[in-house]
PDB file of N, CA and C in Angstrom:
ATOM      1  N   MET A   1     122.643 116.210  92.883  1.00  0.00           N
ATOM      2  CA  MET A   1     121.928 116.135  94.143  1.00  0.00           C
ATOM      3  C   MET A   1     122.014 114.703  94.650  1.00  0.00           C
ATOM      4  N   SER A   2     122.401 114.531  95.891  1.00  0.00           N
ATOM      5  CA  SER A   2     122.545 113.192  96.460  1.00  0.00           C
ATOM      6  C   SER A   2     121.366 112.819  97.356  1.00  0.00           C
ATOM      7  N   GLU A   3     120.526 113.772  97.681  1.00  0.00           N
ATOM      8  CA  GLU A   3     119.366 113.496  98.530  1.00  0.00           C
ATOM      9  C   GLU A   3     118.379 112.589  97.806  1.00  0.00           C
ATOM     10  N   GLN A   4     117.889 111.577  98.508  1.00  0.00           N
ATOM     11  CA  GLN A   4     116.875 110.676  97.958  1.00  0.00           C
ATOM     12  C   GLN A   4     115.494 111.311  98.140  1.00  0.00           C
ATOM     13  N   PRO A   5     114.603 111.116  97.178  1.00  0.00           N
ATOM     14  CA  PRO A   5     113.240 111.610  97.371  1.00  0.00           C
ATOM     15  C   PRO A   5     112.510 110.782  98.421  1.00  0.00           C
ATOM     16  N   HIS A   6     111.488 111.350  99.000  1.00  0.00           N
ATOM     17  CA  HIS A   6     110.626 110.608  99.925  1.00  0.00           C
ATOM     18  C   HIS A   6     109.919 109.509  99.150  1.00  0.00           C
ATOM     19  N   ILE A   7     109.533 108.458  99.835  1.00  0.00           N
ATOM     20  CA  ILE A   7     108.738 107.404  99.215  1.00  0.00           C
ATOM     21  C   ILE A   7     107.286 107.860  99.296  1.00  0.00           C
ATOM     22  N   GLY A   8     106.699 108.137  98.144  1.00  0.00           N
ATOM     23  CA  GLY A   8     105.330 108.639  98.100  1.00  0.00           C
ATOM     24  C   GLY A   8     104.284 107.535  98.161  1.00  0.00           C
ATOM     25  N   GLY A   9     104.737 106.312  97.945  1.00  0.00           N
ATOM     26  CA  GLY A   9     103.844 105.162  97.965  1.00  0.00           C
ATOM     27  C   GLY A   9     104.638 103.902  97.699  1.00  0.00           C
ATOM     28  N   ARG A  10     104.028 102.765  97.882  1.00  0.00           N
ATOM     29  CA  ARG A  10     104.735 101.491  97.700  1.00  0.00           C
ATOM     30  C   ARG A  10     104.149 100.636  96.586  1.00  0.00           C
ATOM     31  N   ALA A  11     103.330 101.265  95.756  1.00  0.00           N
ATOM     32  CA  ALA A  11     102.756 100.594  94.591  1.00  0.00           C
ATOM     33  C   ALA A  11     102.481 101.651  93.524  1.00  0.00           C
ATOM     34  N   PRO A  12     102.574 101.290  92.266  1.00  0.00           N
ATOM     35  CA  PRO A  12     102.285 102.261  91.214  1.00  0.00           C
ATOM     36  C   PRO A  12     100.800 102.605  91.185  1.00  0.00           C
ATOM     37  N   LEU A  13     100.492 103.760  90.628  1.00  0.00           N
ATOM     38  CA  LEU A  13      99.094 104.163  90.495  1.00  0.00           C
ATOM     39  C   LEU A  13      98.696 104.134  89.019  1.00  0.00           C
ATOM     40  N   PRO A  14      97.674 103.343  88.689  1.00  0.00           N
ATOM     41  CA  PRO A  14      97.203 103.324  87.304  1.00  0.00           C
ATOM     42  C   PRO A  14      96.373 104.573  87.020  1.00  0.00           C
ATOM     43  N   ILE A  15      96.716 105.249  85.941  1.00  0.00           N
ATOM     44  CA  ILE A  15      96.024 106.472  85.552  1.00  0.00           C
ATOM     45  C   ILE A  15      95.676 106.379  84.067  1.00  0.00           C
ATOM     46  N   GLN A  16      94.457 106.688  83.730  1.00  0.00           N
ATOM     47  CA  GLN A  16      94.039 106.763  82.330  1.00  0.00           C
ATOM     48  C   GLN A  16      94.468 108.133  81.814  1.00  0.00           C
ATOM     49  N   VAL A  17      95.449 108.162  80.910  1.00  0.00           N
ATOM     50  CA  VAL A  17      95.938 109.418  80.353  1.00  0.00           C
ATOM     51  C   VAL A  17      95.332 109.633  78.971  1.00  0.00           C
ATOM     52  N   GLN A  18      95.276 110.882  78.569  1.00  0.00           N
ATOM     53  CA  GLN A  18      94.708 111.260  77.276  1.00  0.00           C
ATOM     54  C   GLN A  18      95.819 111.726  76.344  1.00  0.00           C
ATOM     55  N   ALA A  19      95.805 111.249  75.118  1.00  0.00           N
ATOM     56  CA  ALA A  19      96.826 111.595  74.126  1.00  0.00           C
ATOM     57  C   ALA A  19      97.014 113.103  74.048  1.00  0.00           C
ATOM     58  N   GLY A  20      98.276 113.536  74.118  1.00  0.00           N
ATOM     59  CA  GLY A  20      98.619 114.945  74.007  1.00  0.00           C
ATOM     60  C   GLY A  20      98.472 115.750  75.279  1.00  0.00           C
ATOM     61  N   GLU A  21      97.864 115.175  76.318  1.00  0.00           N
ATOM     62  CA  GLU A  21      97.680 115.892  77.588  1.00  0.00           C
ATOM     63  C   GLU A  21      98.989 115.913  78.378  1.00  0.00           C
ATOM     64  N   GLU A  22      99.164 116.981  79.139  1.00  0.00           N
ATOM     65  CA  GLU A  22     100.356 117.187  79.953  1.00  0.00           C
ATOM     66  C   GLU A  22     100.046 116.815  81.401  1.00  0.00           C
ATOM     67  N   TYR A  23     100.970 116.084  82.009  1.00  0.00           N
ATOM     68  CA  TYR A  23     100.855 115.676  83.408  1.00  0.00           C
ATOM     69  C   TYR A  23     102.170 116.027  84.092  1.00  0.00           C
ATOM     70  N   TRP A  24     102.112 116.451  85.345  1.00  0.00           N
ATOM     71  CA  TRP A  24     103.327 116.796  86.101  1.00  0.00           C
ATOM     72  C   TRP A  24     103.494 115.807  87.253  1.00  0.00           C
ATOM     73  N   TRP A  25     104.459 114.906  87.078  1.00  0.00           N
ATOM     74  CA  TRP A  25     104.750 113.838  88.034  1.00  0.00           C
ATOM     75  C   TRP A  25     105.578 114.370  89.200  1.00  0.00           C
ATOM     76  N   CYS A  26     105.169 114.038  90.408  1.00  0.00           N
ATOM     77  CA  CYS A  26     105.904 114.406  91.620  1.00  0.00           C
ATOM     78  C   CYS A  26     107.209 113.613  91.682  1.00  0.00           C
ATOM     79  N   ALA A  27     108.339 114.304  91.739  1.00  0.00           N
ATOM     80  CA  ALA A  27     109.642 113.649  91.836  1.00  0.00           C
ATOM     81  C   ALA A  27     110.190 113.647  93.260  1.00  0.00           C
ATOM     82  N   CYS A  28     109.605 114.474  94.133  1.00  0.00           N
ATOM     83  CA  CYS A  28     110.142 114.586  95.494  1.00  0.00           C
ATOM     84  C   CYS A  28     109.532 113.576  96.458  1.00  0.00           C
ATOM     85  N   GLY A  29     108.342 113.067  96.131  1.00  0.00           N
ATOM     86  CA  GLY A  29     107.660 112.114  96.999  1.00  0.00           C
ATOM     87  C   GLY A  29     106.845 112.748  98.102  1.00  0.00           C
ATOM     88  N   ARG A  30     106.822 114.067  98.193  1.00  0.00           N
ATOM     89  CA  ARG A  30     106.125 114.761  99.282  1.00  0.00           C
ATOM     90  C   ARG A  30     104.685 115.130  98.955  1.00  0.00           C
ATOM     91  N   SER A  31     104.315 115.078  97.689  1.00  0.00           N
ATOM     92  CA  SER A  31     102.989 115.515  97.261  1.00  0.00           C
ATOM     93  C   SER A  31     101.884 114.706  97.935  1.00  0.00           C
ATOM     94  N   LYS A  32     100.833 115.390  98.312  1.00  0.00           N
ATOM     95  CA  LYS A  32      99.649 114.732  98.877  1.00  0.00           C
ATOM     96  C   LYS A  32      98.709 114.278  97.768  1.00  0.00           C
ATOM     97  N   THR A  33      99.032 114.616  96.517  1.00  0.00           N
ATOM     98  CA  THR A  33      98.202 114.244  95.372  1.00  0.00           C
ATOM     99  C   THR A  33      98.968 113.284  94.463  1.00  0.00           C
ATOM    100  N   GLN A  34      99.633 112.292  95.058  1.00  0.00           N
ATOM    101  CA  GLN A  34     100.409 111.310  94.300  1.00  0.00           C
ATOM    102  C   GLN A  34      99.560 110.694  93.193  1.00  0.00           C
ATOM    103  N   PRO A  35     100.129 110.487  92.027  1.00  0.00           N
ATOM    104  CA  PRO A  35     101.529 110.621  91.680  1.00  0.00           C
ATOM    105  C   PRO A  35     101.890 112.000  91.140  1.00  0.00           C
ATOM    106  N   PHE A  36     100.960 112.950  91.260  1.00  0.00           N
ATOM    107  CA  PHE A  36     101.177 114.250  90.644  1.00  0.00           C
ATOM    108  C   PHE A  36     101.626 115.311  91.642  1.00  0.00           C
ATOM    109  N   CYS A  37     102.256 116.334  91.112  1.00  0.00           N
ATOM    110  CA  CYS A  37     102.837 117.407  91.914  1.00  0.00           C
ATOM    111  C   CYS A  37     101.762 118.305  92.510  1.00  0.00           C
ATOM    112  N   ASP A  38     101.966 118.704  93.768  1.00  0.00           N
ATOM    113  CA  ASP A  38     101.102 119.692  94.416  1.00  0.00           C
ATOM    114  C   ASP A  38     101.906 120.885  94.925  1.00  0.00           C
ATOM    115  N   GLY A  39     103.178 120.968  94.518  1.00  0.00           N
ATOM    116  CA  GLY A  39     104.036 122.084  94.931  1.00  0.00           C
ATOM    117  C   GLY A  39     104.832 121.820  96.188  1.00  0.00           C
ATOM    118  N   SER A  40     104.712 120.647  96.768  1.00  0.00           N
ATOM    119  CA  SER A  40     105.406 120.322  98.022  1.00  0.00           C
ATOM    120  C   SER A  40     106.924 120.264  97.880  1.00  0.00           C
ATOM    121  N   HIS A  41     107.430 120.268  96.659  1.00  0.00           N
ATOM    122  CA  HIS A  41     108.875 120.202  96.421  1.00  0.00           C
ATOM    123  C   HIS A  41     109.565 121.539  96.691  1.00  0.00           C
ATOM    124  N   GLU A  42     108.819 122.619  96.843  1.00  0.00           N
ATOM    125  CA  GLU A  42     109.419 123.936  97.020  1.00  0.00           C
ATOM    126  C   GLU A  42     110.485 123.908  98.114  1.00  0.00           C
ATOM    127  N   GLY A  43     111.680 124.365  97.756  1.00  0.00           N
ATOM    128  CA  GLY A  43     112.793 124.431  98.704  1.00  0.00           C
ATOM    129  C   GLY A  43     113.549 123.130  98.887  1.00  0.00           C
ATOM    130  N   THR A  44     113.230 122.083  98.119  1.00  0.00           N
ATOM    131  CA  THR A  44     113.875 120.786  98.310  1.00  0.00           C
ATOM    132  C   THR A  44     114.992 120.495  97.320  1.00  0.00           C
ATOM    133  N   GLY A  45     115.032 121.191  96.195  1.00  0.00           N
ATOM    134  CA  GLY A  45     115.988 120.859  95.150  1.00  0.00           C
ATOM    135  C   GLY A  45     115.412 119.897  94.118  1.00  0.00           C
ATOM    136  N   PHE A  46     114.220 119.372  94.365  1.00  0.00           N
ATOM    137  CA  PHE A  46     113.533 118.503  93.417  1.00  0.00           C
ATOM    138  C   PHE A  46     112.591 119.342  92.567  1.00  0.00           C
ATOM    139  N   GLU A  47     112.350 118.879  91.358  1.00  0.00           N
ATOM    140  CA  GLU A  47     111.403 119.520  90.448  1.00  0.00           C
ATOM    141  C   GLU A  47     110.486 118.447  89.879  1.00  0.00           C
ATOM    142  N   PRO A  48     109.223 118.782  89.624  1.00  0.00           N
ATOM    143  CA  PRO A  48     108.329 117.799  89.005  1.00  0.00           C
ATOM    144  C   PRO A  48     108.773 117.515  87.571  1.00  0.00           C
ATOM    145  N   MET A  49     108.362 116.369  87.058  1.00  0.00           N
ATOM    146  CA  MET A  49     108.713 115.963  85.700  1.00  0.00           C
ATOM    147  C   MET A  49     107.475 116.023  84.816  1.00  0.00           C
ATOM    148  N   GLN A  50     107.634 116.686  83.692  1.00  0.00           N
ATOM    149  CA  GLN A  50     106.539 116.761  82.729  1.00  0.00           C
ATOM    150  C   GLN A  50     106.412 115.439  81.977  1.00  0.00           C
ATOM    151  N   TYR A  51     105.185 114.982  81.813  1.00  0.00           N
ATOM    152  CA  TYR A  51     104.884 113.795  81.011  1.00  0.00           C
ATOM    153  C   TYR A  51     103.773 114.180  80.064  1.00  0.00           C
ATOM    154  N   ILE A  52     104.010 114.016  78.775  1.00  0.00           N
ATOM    155  CA  ILE A  52     102.980 114.258  77.770  1.00  0.00           C
ATOM    156  C   ILE A  52     102.602 112.899  77.204  1.00  0.00           C
ATOM    157  N   ALA A  53     101.343 112.538  77.367  1.00  0.00           N
ATOM    158  CA  ALA A  53     100.868 111.211  76.963  1.00  0.00           C
ATOM    159  C   ALA A  53     100.965 111.054  75.442  1.00  0.00           C
ATOM    160  N   PRO A  54     101.702 110.036  74.980  1.00  0.00           N
ATOM    161  CA  PRO A  54     101.808 109.812  73.541  1.00  0.00           C
ATOM    162  C   PRO A  54     100.527 109.245  72.941  1.00  0.00           C
ATOM    163  N   GLU A  55      99.713 108.600  73.785  1.00  0.00           N
ATOM    164  CA  GLU A  55      98.443 108.045  73.329  1.00  0.00           C
ATOM    165  C   GLU A  55      97.500 107.927  74.518  1.00  0.00           C
ATOM    166  N   THR A  56      96.224 107.751  74.223  1.00  0.00           N
ATOM    167  CA  THR A  56      95.234 107.559  75.272  1.00  0.00           C
ATOM    168  C   THR A  56      95.295 106.102  75.714  1.00  0.00           C
ATOM    169  N   LYS A  57      95.621 105.905  76.978  1.00  0.00           N
ATOM    170  CA  LYS A  57      95.707 104.558  77.534  1.00  0.00           C
ATOM    171  C   LYS A  57      95.944 104.646  79.032  1.00  0.00           C
ATOM    172  N   ARG A  58      95.907 103.512  79.697  1.00  0.00           N
ATOM    173  CA  ARG A  58      96.215 103.448  81.126  1.00  0.00           C
ATOM    174  C   ARG A  58      97.707 103.220  81.279  1.00  0.00           C
ATOM    175  N   VAL A  59      98.343 104.049  82.116  1.00  0.00           N
ATOM    176  CA  VAL A  59      99.765 103.887  82.429  1.00  0.00           C
ATOM    177  C   VAL A  59      99.906 103.792  83.942  1.00  0.00           C
ATOM    178  N   PHE A  60     101.022 103.270  84.395  1.00  0.00           N
ATOM    179  CA  PHE A  60     101.283 103.095  85.818  1.00  0.00           C
ATOM    180  C   PHE A  60     102.386 104.054  86.245  1.00  0.00           C
ATOM    181  N   PHE A  61     101.993 105.108  86.970  1.00  0.00           N
ATOM    182  CA  PHE A  61     102.947 106.095  87.456  1.00  0.00           C
ATOM    183  C   PHE A  61     103.608 105.591  88.738  1.00  0.00           C
ATOM    184  N   CYS A  62     104.907 105.802  88.836  1.00  0.00           N
ATOM    185  CA  CYS A  62     105.688 105.424  90.014  1.00  0.00           C
ATOM    186  C   CYS A  62     105.327 106.328  91.189  1.00  0.00           C
ATOM    187  N   THR A  63     105.197 105.730  92.369  1.00  0.00           N
ATOM    188  CA  THR A  63     105.011 106.518  93.590  1.00  0.00           C
ATOM    189  C   THR A  63     106.171 106.349  94.564  1.00  0.00           C
ATOM    190  N   CYS A  64     106.996 105.315  94.364  1.00  0.00           N
ATOM    191  CA  CYS A  64     108.118 105.098  95.283  1.00  0.00           C
ATOM    192  C   CYS A  64     109.298 106.029  94.978  1.00  0.00           C
ATOM    193  N   LYS A  65     109.309 106.588  93.776  1.00  0.00           N
ATOM    194  CA  LYS A  65     110.323 107.544  93.329  1.00  0.00           C
ATOM    195  C   LYS A  65     111.701 106.914  93.148  1.00  0.00           C
ATOM    196  N   ARG A  66     111.754 105.598  92.979  1.00  0.00           N
ATOM    197  CA  ARG A  66     113.027 104.899  92.762  1.00  0.00           C
ATOM    198  C   ARG A  66     113.133 104.310  91.352  1.00  0.00           C
ATOM    199  N   THR A  67     112.106 104.528  90.517  1.00  0.00           N
ATOM    200  CA  THR A  67     112.088 103.975  89.175  1.00  0.00           C
ATOM    201  C   THR A  67     113.250 104.494  88.323  1.00  0.00           C
ATOM    202  N   LYS A  68     113.710 103.676  87.410  1.00  0.00           N
ATOM    203  CA  LYS A  68     114.749 104.079  86.451  1.00  0.00           C
ATOM    204  C   LYS A  68     114.090 104.577  85.167  1.00  0.00           C
ATOM    205  N   THR A  69     112.750 104.447  85.083  1.00  0.00           N
ATOM    206  CA  THR A  69     112.010 104.847  83.882  1.00  0.00           C
ATOM    207  C   THR A  69     111.015 105.961  84.220  1.00  0.00           C
ATOM    208  N   MET A  70     111.498 106.991  84.906  1.00  0.00           N
ATOM    209  CA  MET A  70     110.645 108.104  85.334  1.00  0.00           C
ATOM    210  C   MET A  70     109.831 108.643  84.166  1.00  0.00           C
ATOM    211  N   PRO A  71     108.579 108.898  84.387  1.00  0.00           N
ATOM    212  CA  PRO A  71     107.812 108.834  85.626  1.00  0.00           C
ATOM    213  C   PRO A  71     107.044 107.523  85.807  1.00  0.00           C
ATOM    214  N   LEU A  72     107.287 106.567  84.910  1.00  0.00           N
ATOM    215  CA  LEU A  72     106.504 105.331  84.944  1.00  0.00           C
ATOM    216  C   LEU A  72     107.174 104.258  85.784  1.00  0.00           C
ATOM    217  N   CYS A  73     106.383 103.388  86.349  1.00  0.00           N
ATOM    218  CA  CYS A  73     106.865 102.315  87.222  1.00  0.00           C
ATOM    219  C   CYS A  73     107.705 101.301  86.450  1.00  0.00           C
ATOM    220  N   ASP A  74     108.800 100.874  87.065  1.00  0.00           N
ATOM    221  CA  ASP A  74     109.621  99.785  86.514  1.00  0.00           C
ATOM    222  C   ASP A  74     109.718  98.613  87.487  1.00  0.00           C
ATOM    223  N   GLY A  75     108.920  98.652  88.561  1.00  0.00           N
ATOM    224  CA  GLY A  75     108.937  97.567  89.553  1.00  0.00           C
ATOM    225  C   GLY A  75     109.901  97.803  90.698  1.00  0.00           C
ATOM    226  N   SER A  76     110.579  98.955  90.742  1.00  0.00           N
ATOM    227  CA  SER A  76     111.556  99.230  91.805  1.00  0.00           C
ATOM    228  C   SER A  76     110.940  99.180  93.199  1.00  0.00           C
ATOM    229  N   HIS A  77     109.640  99.424  93.329  1.00  0.00           N
ATOM    230  CA  HIS A  77     108.989  99.397  94.643  1.00  0.00           C
ATOM    231  C   HIS A  77     109.093  98.013  95.285  1.00  0.00           C
ATOM    232  N   LYS A  78     109.289  96.982  94.484  1.00  0.00           N
ATOM    233  CA  LYS A  78     109.390  95.615  95.021  1.00  0.00           C
ATOM    234  C   LYS A  78     110.680  95.417  95.810  1.00  0.00           C
ATOM    235  N   GLU A  79     111.658  96.302  95.609  1.00  0.00           N
ATOM    236  CA  GLU A  79     112.952  96.188  96.276  1.00  0.00           C
ATOM    237  C   GLU A  79     113.043  97.050  97.530  1.00  0.00           C
ATOM    238  N   LEU A  80     112.003  97.798  97.854  1.00  0.00           N
ATOM    239  CA  LEU A  80     112.033  98.669  99.033  1.00  0.00           C
ATOM    240  C   LEU A  80     111.998  97.841 100.311  1.00  0.00           C
ATOM    241  N   ALA A  81     112.762  98.289 101.294  1.00  0.00           N
ATOM    242  CA  ALA A  81     112.695  97.664 102.612  1.00  0.00           C
ATOM    243  C   ALA A  81     111.346  97.969 103.235  1.00  0.00           C
ATOM    244  N   THR A  82     110.808  97.032 103.974  1.00  0.00           N
ATOM    245  CA  THR A  82     109.487  97.254 104.571  1.00  0.00           C
ATOM    246  C   THR A  82     109.580  97.976 105.891  1.00  0.00           C
TER     247      THR A  82
END
């Protein structure tokens, strides 16, 4: 797929995750419940990404959808054009 996802935000969102819990990260950028999926990807060719927290801690989920370390932020939002 060559289509780029929508930019869901321009900064990561810190989320307190619980060890063993499942989270579904929005990969299309269209979700109104960023950084998580709300089903807005239907018909786009994008699918949400499952994330199972390895431990209880705060993590930073990507909202720009350009990270190389999906679903977590790698700082790629700093390179977005304004």
